[in-house]
N, C-alpha and C. Protein backbone atom coordinates (compact mmCIF):
# COMPACT_ATOMS: atom_id res chain seq x y z
N MET A 1 0.81 -1.20 0.00
CA MET A 1 0.00 0.00 0.00
C MET A 1 0.86 1.27 0.00
N LEU A 2 1.99 1.24 0.73
CA LEU A 2 2.88 2.40 0.77
C LEU A 2 3.43 2.71 -0.62
N LYS A 3 3.82 1.66 -1.35
CA LYS A 3 4.33 1.86 -2.71
C LYS A 3 3.27 2.51 -3.60
N GLU A 4 2.02 2.12 -3.44
CA GLU A 4 0.94 2.71 -4.23
C GLU A 4 0.80 4.20 -3.95
N THR A 5 0.90 4.56 -2.68
CA THR A 5 0.78 5.97 -2.32
C THR A 5 1.97 6.75 -2.87
N LEU A 6 3.18 6.21 -2.72
CA LEU A 6 4.36 6.90 -3.24
C LEU A 6 4.31 7.02 -4.76
N ASN A 7 3.72 6.05 -5.41
CA ASN A 7 3.61 6.08 -6.87
C ASN A 7 2.77 7.26 -7.35
N LYS A 8 1.85 7.74 -6.52
CA LYS A 8 1.02 8.89 -6.90
C LYS A 8 1.89 10.11 -7.20
N PHE A 9 3.04 10.21 -6.54
CA PHE A 9 3.92 11.35 -6.76
C PHE A 9 4.61 11.27 -8.12
N LEU A 10 4.89 10.06 -8.58
CA LEU A 10 5.58 9.89 -9.86
C LEU A 10 4.70 10.29 -11.04
N ILE A 11 3.40 10.38 -10.81
CA ILE A 11 2.47 10.81 -11.85
C ILE A 11 2.65 12.30 -12.14
N ILE A 12 3.11 13.04 -11.14
CA ILE A 12 3.32 14.48 -11.30
C ILE A 12 4.50 14.71 -12.24
N ASN A 13 4.29 15.51 -13.24
CA ASN A 13 5.33 15.80 -14.23
C ASN A 13 6.60 16.34 -13.56
N GLY A 14 7.73 15.69 -13.82
CA GLY A 14 9.01 16.15 -13.30
C GLY A 14 9.47 15.47 -12.03
N VAL A 15 8.59 14.75 -11.35
CA VAL A 15 8.98 14.05 -10.12
C VAL A 15 9.77 12.80 -10.50
N GLN A 16 10.94 12.65 -9.90
CA GLN A 16 11.81 11.53 -10.20
C GLN A 16 11.81 10.46 -9.12
N ALA A 17 11.51 10.85 -7.88
CA ALA A 17 11.52 9.87 -6.79
C ALA A 17 10.67 10.35 -5.63
N ALA A 18 10.06 9.39 -4.96
CA ALA A 18 9.33 9.63 -3.71
C ALA A 18 9.82 8.58 -2.73
N LEU A 19 10.30 9.02 -1.58
CA LEU A 19 10.90 8.11 -0.62
C LEU A 19 10.38 8.37 0.79
N VAL A 20 10.26 7.32 1.56
CA VAL A 20 10.07 7.46 3.00
C VAL A 20 11.41 7.08 3.60
N VAL A 21 11.98 8.02 4.34
CA VAL A 21 13.34 7.87 4.84
C VAL A 21 13.35 8.05 6.35
N GLU A 22 14.12 7.21 7.01
CA GLU A 22 14.33 7.37 8.45
C GLU A 22 15.37 8.46 8.66
N GLU A 23 15.35 9.07 9.82
CA GLU A 23 16.24 10.19 10.12
C GLU A 23 17.72 9.86 9.89
N ASN A 24 18.09 8.60 10.06
CA ASN A 24 19.49 8.20 9.86
C ASN A 24 19.84 8.00 8.38
N GLY A 25 18.89 8.23 7.49
CA GLY A 25 19.13 8.11 6.05
C GLY A 25 18.68 6.80 5.45
N GLU A 26 18.27 5.85 6.29
CA GLU A 26 17.81 4.56 5.77
C GLU A 26 16.49 4.73 5.02
N ILE A 27 16.46 4.19 3.81
CA ILE A 27 15.24 4.27 3.00
C ILE A 27 14.30 3.15 3.42
N ILE A 28 13.11 3.51 3.86
CA ILE A 28 12.10 2.54 4.28
C ILE A 28 11.37 2.00 3.06
N GLU A 29 11.01 2.92 2.16
CA GLU A 29 10.33 2.54 0.92
C GLU A 29 10.57 3.64 -0.10
N SER A 30 10.58 3.26 -1.37
CA SER A 30 10.79 4.28 -2.40
C SER A 30 10.15 3.85 -3.72
N MET A 31 9.82 4.85 -4.50
CA MET A 31 9.40 4.67 -5.88
C MET A 31 10.22 5.66 -6.68
N LYS A 32 10.88 5.16 -7.73
CA LYS A 32 11.77 6.01 -8.51
C LYS A 32 11.48 5.86 -10.00
N SER A 33 11.81 6.92 -10.72
CA SER A 33 11.65 6.90 -12.17
C SER A 33 12.93 7.44 -12.80
N GLY A 34 13.76 6.56 -13.31
CA GLY A 34 14.96 6.97 -14.02
C GLY A 34 16.10 7.47 -13.17
N MET A 35 16.15 7.10 -11.91
CA MET A 35 17.27 7.51 -11.06
C MET A 35 17.50 6.47 -9.98
N SER A 36 18.69 6.48 -9.43
CA SER A 36 18.98 5.58 -8.32
C SER A 36 19.42 6.42 -7.13
N ILE A 37 19.16 5.91 -5.96
CA ILE A 37 19.55 6.59 -4.72
C ILE A 37 20.68 5.77 -4.11
N ASP A 38 21.90 6.27 -4.23
CA ASP A 38 23.05 5.53 -3.70
C ASP A 38 23.37 5.98 -2.27
N GLN A 39 24.37 5.35 -1.67
CA GLN A 39 24.73 5.64 -0.28
C GLN A 39 25.10 7.12 -0.06
N PRO A 40 25.91 7.73 -0.93
CA PRO A 40 26.20 9.16 -0.72
C PRO A 40 24.94 10.03 -0.73
N MET A 41 23.99 9.72 -1.61
CA MET A 41 22.75 10.48 -1.66
C MET A 41 21.95 10.28 -0.38
N GLN A 42 21.91 9.06 0.14
CA GLN A 42 21.23 8.79 1.40
C GLN A 42 21.86 9.61 2.52
N GLN A 43 23.17 9.72 2.53
CA GLN A 43 23.86 10.50 3.56
C GLN A 43 23.53 11.98 3.45
N VAL A 44 23.44 12.48 2.22
CA VAL A 44 23.07 13.88 2.01
C VAL A 44 21.66 14.13 2.56
N ILE A 45 20.74 13.25 2.26
CA ILE A 45 19.36 13.39 2.74
C ILE A 45 19.33 13.36 4.26
N ALA A 46 20.05 12.44 4.88
CA ALA A 46 20.10 12.36 6.34
C ALA A 46 20.68 13.64 6.93
N THR A 47 21.72 14.16 6.32
CA THR A 47 22.34 15.40 6.80
C THR A 47 21.37 16.56 6.72
N ILE A 48 20.66 16.68 5.62
CA ILE A 48 19.67 17.75 5.47
C ILE A 48 18.60 17.63 6.55
N MET A 49 18.11 16.42 6.80
CA MET A 49 17.07 16.22 7.81
C MET A 49 17.57 16.61 9.20
N LEU A 50 18.76 16.14 9.57
CA LEU A 50 19.30 16.44 10.89
C LEU A 50 19.63 17.92 11.04
N ASP A 51 20.21 18.53 10.02
CA ASP A 51 20.51 19.96 10.08
C ASP A 51 19.24 20.79 10.18
N SER A 52 18.18 20.34 9.53
CA SER A 52 16.90 21.05 9.61
C SER A 52 16.33 21.00 11.02
N ARG A 53 16.46 19.86 11.66
CA ARG A 53 15.99 19.75 13.06
C ARG A 53 16.81 20.64 13.97
N THR A 54 18.13 20.69 13.74
CA THR A 54 19.00 21.54 14.54
C THR A 54 18.63 23.01 14.34
N THR A 55 18.36 23.38 13.10
CA THR A 55 17.96 24.76 12.82
C THR A 55 16.63 25.08 13.50
N ALA A 56 15.70 24.15 13.48
CA ALA A 56 14.42 24.36 14.15
C ALA A 56 14.62 24.59 15.64
N ALA A 57 15.59 23.91 16.23
CA ALA A 57 15.88 24.08 17.66
C ALA A 57 16.35 25.51 17.94
N HIS A 58 17.05 26.12 17.00
CA HIS A 58 17.50 27.50 17.16
C HIS A 58 16.33 28.48 17.14
N PHE A 59 15.22 28.07 16.58
CA PHE A 59 14.02 28.90 16.57
C PHE A 59 13.09 28.54 17.73
N GLY A 60 13.66 28.01 18.80
CA GLY A 60 12.87 27.66 19.97
C GLY A 60 12.09 26.38 19.79
N ASP A 61 12.70 25.38 19.17
CA ASP A 61 12.06 24.10 18.91
C ASP A 61 10.79 24.24 18.08
N ALA A 62 10.83 25.15 17.13
CA ALA A 62 9.70 25.30 16.22
C ALA A 62 9.49 23.99 15.47
N SER A 63 8.25 23.65 15.24
CA SER A 63 7.99 22.41 14.53
C SER A 63 8.41 22.57 13.07
N LEU A 64 9.00 21.52 12.55
CA LEU A 64 9.48 21.51 11.17
C LEU A 64 8.34 21.06 10.27
N SER A 65 7.98 21.89 9.29
CA SER A 65 6.87 21.50 8.43
C SER A 65 7.32 21.09 7.04
N MET A 66 8.41 21.68 6.55
CA MET A 66 8.88 21.32 5.22
C MET A 66 10.25 21.94 4.99
N VAL A 67 11.07 21.23 4.21
CA VAL A 67 12.38 21.75 3.82
C VAL A 67 12.48 21.66 2.30
N PHE A 68 12.93 22.75 1.71
CA PHE A 68 13.09 22.81 0.26
C PHE A 68 14.55 23.12 -0.03
N VAL A 69 15.19 22.27 -0.84
CA VAL A 69 16.59 22.49 -1.23
C VAL A 69 16.65 22.44 -2.75
N GLU A 70 17.11 23.55 -3.34
CA GLU A 70 17.14 23.64 -4.80
C GLU A 70 18.57 23.56 -5.32
N PHE A 71 18.74 22.81 -6.39
CA PHE A 71 20.01 22.68 -7.09
C PHE A 71 19.81 23.21 -8.51
N SER A 72 20.83 23.15 -9.34
CA SER A 72 20.71 23.74 -10.68
C SER A 72 19.64 23.08 -11.54
N GLU A 73 19.50 21.77 -11.45
CA GLU A 73 18.53 21.09 -12.30
C GLU A 73 17.46 20.32 -11.53
N ASN A 74 17.63 20.18 -10.23
CA ASN A 74 16.70 19.39 -9.41
C ASN A 74 16.43 20.09 -8.09
N PHE A 75 15.44 19.58 -7.39
CA PHE A 75 15.22 20.03 -6.02
C PHE A 75 14.72 18.87 -5.17
N LEU A 76 14.88 19.05 -3.86
CA LEU A 76 14.38 18.09 -2.87
C LEU A 76 13.36 18.81 -2.01
N ILE A 77 12.30 18.13 -1.69
CA ILE A 77 11.36 18.61 -0.68
C ILE A 77 11.26 17.52 0.36
N LEU A 78 11.50 17.89 1.62
CA LEU A 78 11.42 16.95 2.73
C LEU A 78 10.32 17.40 3.66
N GLY A 79 9.47 16.48 4.05
CA GLY A 79 8.42 16.78 4.99
C GLY A 79 8.37 15.72 6.07
N PRO A 80 8.28 16.12 7.34
CA PRO A 80 8.22 15.13 8.41
C PRO A 80 6.90 14.37 8.38
N LEU A 81 6.97 13.09 8.72
CA LEU A 81 5.77 12.27 8.82
C LEU A 81 5.44 12.06 10.29
N ILE A 82 6.16 11.16 10.94
CA ILE A 82 6.03 10.94 12.37
C ILE A 82 7.42 10.72 12.94
N GLU A 83 7.63 11.17 14.16
CA GLU A 83 8.90 10.96 14.85
C GLU A 83 10.08 11.17 13.92
N GLU A 84 10.79 10.08 13.61
CA GLU A 84 12.03 10.19 12.84
C GLU A 84 11.86 9.83 11.36
N PHE A 85 10.65 9.84 10.85
CA PHE A 85 10.41 9.49 9.45
C PHE A 85 10.05 10.73 8.62
N PHE A 86 10.60 10.77 7.40
CA PHE A 86 10.38 11.89 6.50
C PHE A 86 9.92 11.38 5.14
N LEU A 87 9.12 12.19 4.47
CA LEU A 87 8.78 11.97 3.08
C LEU A 87 9.70 12.86 2.26
N VAL A 88 10.40 12.29 1.30
CA VAL A 88 11.34 13.04 0.47
C VAL A 88 10.91 12.91 -0.99
N ILE A 89 10.77 14.05 -1.63
CA ILE A 89 10.43 14.08 -3.05
C ILE A 89 11.62 14.71 -3.79
N ILE A 90 12.07 14.03 -4.83
CA ILE A 90 13.15 14.55 -5.68
C ILE A 90 12.54 14.81 -7.05
N ALA A 91 12.74 16.03 -7.54
CA ALA A 91 12.10 16.41 -8.81
C ALA A 91 13.01 17.32 -9.64
N ARG A 92 12.71 17.38 -10.92
CA ARG A 92 13.39 18.33 -11.80
C ARG A 92 12.90 19.73 -11.46
N ASN A 93 13.72 20.72 -11.76
CA ASN A 93 13.34 22.09 -11.41
C ASN A 93 12.14 22.62 -12.21
N THR A 94 11.67 21.85 -13.18
CA THR A 94 10.49 22.25 -13.95
C THR A 94 9.19 21.73 -13.32
N ALA A 95 9.29 20.91 -12.29
CA ALA A 95 8.10 20.33 -11.65
C ALA A 95 7.33 21.41 -10.89
N ASN A 96 6.05 21.18 -10.71
CA ASN A 96 5.16 22.12 -10.03
C ASN A 96 5.27 21.92 -8.51
N ILE A 97 5.96 22.82 -7.85
CA ILE A 97 6.20 22.71 -6.41
C ILE A 97 4.89 22.74 -5.63
N GLY A 98 3.97 23.60 -6.04
CA GLY A 98 2.68 23.69 -5.35
C GLY A 98 1.91 22.39 -5.41
N GLN A 99 1.90 21.75 -6.55
CA GLN A 99 1.19 20.48 -6.70
C GLN A 99 1.85 19.40 -5.84
N ILE A 100 3.19 19.40 -5.80
CA ILE A 100 3.91 18.40 -5.01
C ILE A 100 3.60 18.59 -3.53
N THR A 101 3.69 19.82 -3.03
CA THR A 101 3.45 20.03 -1.60
C THR A 101 2.00 19.74 -1.23
N TYR A 102 1.07 20.05 -2.14
CA TYR A 102 -0.33 19.71 -1.91
C TYR A 102 -0.50 18.20 -1.76
N GLU A 103 0.11 17.43 -2.66
CA GLU A 103 0.02 15.97 -2.61
C GLU A 103 0.71 15.42 -1.36
N MET A 104 1.80 16.05 -0.94
CA MET A 104 2.48 15.61 0.28
C MET A 104 1.54 15.72 1.48
N LYS A 105 0.89 16.87 1.60
CA LYS A 105 -0.02 17.08 2.73
C LYS A 105 -1.25 16.17 2.61
N LYS A 106 -1.77 16.03 1.41
CA LYS A 106 -2.97 15.21 1.18
C LYS A 106 -2.73 13.74 1.51
N ASN A 107 -1.53 13.24 1.22
CA ASN A 107 -1.24 11.81 1.40
C ASN A 107 -0.50 11.48 2.69
N GLN A 108 -0.22 12.48 3.51
CA GLN A 108 0.56 12.25 4.73
C GLN A 108 -0.08 11.21 5.65
N ASP A 109 -1.36 11.34 5.92
CA ASP A 109 -2.03 10.40 6.83
C ASP A 109 -1.99 8.97 6.30
N SER A 110 -2.19 8.81 5.01
CA SER A 110 -2.14 7.49 4.39
C SER A 110 -0.75 6.87 4.53
N ILE A 111 0.28 7.67 4.32
CA ILE A 111 1.65 7.16 4.44
C ILE A 111 1.94 6.76 5.88
N VAL A 112 1.53 7.59 6.83
CA VAL A 112 1.75 7.29 8.25
C VAL A 112 1.05 6.00 8.64
N GLN A 113 -0.17 5.80 8.17
CA GLN A 113 -0.90 4.56 8.47
C GLN A 113 -0.16 3.33 7.94
N ASP A 114 0.49 3.48 6.79
CA ASP A 114 1.19 2.35 6.18
C ASP A 114 2.54 2.07 6.83
N LEU A 115 3.03 3.00 7.63
CA LEU A 115 4.29 2.75 8.33
C LEU A 115 4.03 1.82 9.48
């Protein structure tokens, strides 16, 4: 069921991967289109998640709702699910960010139930 939910993101034009990742970088489940997630990429994702939590602590333990990291041709959007689990979307810079974030919020409960 989790794979089915993650697959909904791949329907969005420009989305290359949808992953549920543990805070330590371990991939719990993923759906990808034309890309692979290797160990260095997992470490980058884990670092972004941990640094985001540290930054939130500097704002008085503000709750983390979403992290957006843009590169020249791609971007990552990370959203917390529960405790130490995050939903990570990797997309081309031509993808519709608004549609992706809407789908992230819309499918969050379903993903959490499947964990």
